[in-house]
C-alpha cells in the first residue's frame, strides 16, 4: 500500500476531518481514505446490480406480461 503525506493542511480542515470521521465511527486516516476513494471513483465503479443487468441486457428489450384480473377481492387482515 502507498503512503501519502499531506503537508500544510489547514487546522480547520483537519478539525472538520476529525469531526466527520467521528460521525462515521472511523479514524481520521480511514475517513480520508474514504473521501479520496469517492473523489476519484468513476460512475461505473459504483454500479449496482440493477444497473449492471440493464447495461448487459437492456438492448434486448423488455417483456410485456398480461396481469389477470383478481378472482376475488383481497381479505382484510385480522389482528385478533
Protein backbone atom coordinates (compact mmCIF):
# COMPACT_ATOMS: atom_id res chain seq x y z
CA UNK A 1 0.00 0.00 0.00
CA UNK A 2 1.14 3.51 -0.75
CA UNK A 3 1.60 6.13 1.93
CA UNK A 4 0.63 9.77 1.36
CA UNK A 5 1.72 12.71 3.48
CA UNK A 6 -0.30 15.93 3.30
CA UNK A 7 1.73 18.93 4.41
CA UNK A 8 0.41 22.38 5.34
CA UNK A 9 -3.13 21.15 5.94
CA UNK A 10 -5.23 23.95 7.37
CA UNK A 11 -6.18 23.28 11.01
CA UNK A 12 -9.85 23.94 10.21
CA UNK A 13 -9.76 21.24 7.54
CA UNK A 14 -8.09 18.84 9.95
CA UNK A 15 -10.74 19.54 12.60
CA UNK A 16 -13.56 19.04 10.10
CA UNK A 17 -11.99 15.75 9.04
CA UNK A 18 -11.76 14.69 12.69
CA UNK A 19 -15.44 15.53 13.30
CA UNK A 20 -16.57 13.82 10.09
CA UNK A 21 -14.57 10.70 10.99
CA UNK A 22 -16.15 10.66 14.46
CA UNK A 23 -19.66 10.93 12.95
CA UNK A 24 -18.94 7.92 10.74
CA UNK A 25 -17.23 5.95 13.51
CA UNK A 26 -13.87 5.87 11.70
CA UNK A 27 -10.35 7.06 12.27
CA UNK A 28 -9.20 10.22 10.51
CA UNK A 29 -6.99 8.09 8.28
CA UNK A 30 -9.89 5.82 7.32
CA UNK A 31 -12.15 8.82 6.68
CA UNK A 32 -9.53 10.48 4.46
CA UNK A 33 -9.11 7.20 2.56
CA UNK A 34 -12.90 7.00 2.00
CA UNK A 35 -13.07 10.63 0.83
CA UNK A 36 -10.21 10.14 -1.62
CA UNK A 37 -11.67 6.89 -2.93
CA UNK A 38 -15.05 8.55 -3.54
CA UNK A 39 -13.41 11.57 -5.17
CA UNK A 40 -11.57 9.54 -7.81
CA UNK A 41 -14.23 6.88 -8.47
CA UNK A 42 -15.79 6.73 -11.91
CA UNK A 43 -19.58 6.44 -12.18
CA UNK A 44 -19.28 2.84 -13.43
CA UNK A 45 -17.25 1.86 -10.35
CA UNK A 46 -20.31 2.10 -8.09
CA UNK A 47 -22.69 0.33 -10.46
CA UNK A 48 -25.26 -1.67 -8.56
CA UNK A 49 -26.74 -4.98 -9.61
CA UNK A 50 -29.74 -3.40 -11.35
CA UNK A 51 -27.55 -1.07 -13.40
CA UNK A 52 -25.24 -3.95 -14.34
CA UNK A 53 -28.21 -6.04 -15.55
CA UNK A 54 -29.64 -3.12 -17.52
CA UNK A 55 -26.26 -2.43 -19.11
CA UNK A 56 -25.81 -6.10 -20.02
CA UNK A 57 -29.32 -6.93 -21.23
CA UNK A 58 -31.06 -3.59 -21.83
CA UNK A 59 -30.67 -3.74 -25.61
CA UNK A 60 -32.71 -6.96 -25.73
CA UNK A 61 -35.84 -5.08 -24.69
CA UNK A 62 -38.44 -5.79 -22.06
CA UNK A 63 -41.24 -8.26 -21.67
CA UNK A 64 -44.91 -7.32 -21.54
CA UNK A 65 -46.84 -9.57 -19.20
CA UNK A 66 -50.60 -9.77 -19.07
CA UNK A 67 -51.79 -9.47 -15.49
CA UNK A 68 -55.03 -11.39 -14.94
CA UNK A 69 -57.90 -9.81 -13.04
CA UNK A 70 -58.39 -10.94 -9.45
CA UNK A 71 -60.94 -13.70 -8.99
CA UNK A 72 -61.91 -12.38 -5.58
CA UNK A 73 -61.38 -9.26 -3.51
CA UNK A 74 -58.47 -9.23 -1.04
CA UNK A 75 -59.43 -10.19 2.52
CA UNK A 76 -58.84 -7.68 5.31
CA UNK A 77 -56.12 -8.56 7.80
CA UNK A 78 -57.40 -9.93 11.09
CA UNK A 79 -55.37 -8.65 14.04
CA UNK A 80 -57.21 -10.55 16.81
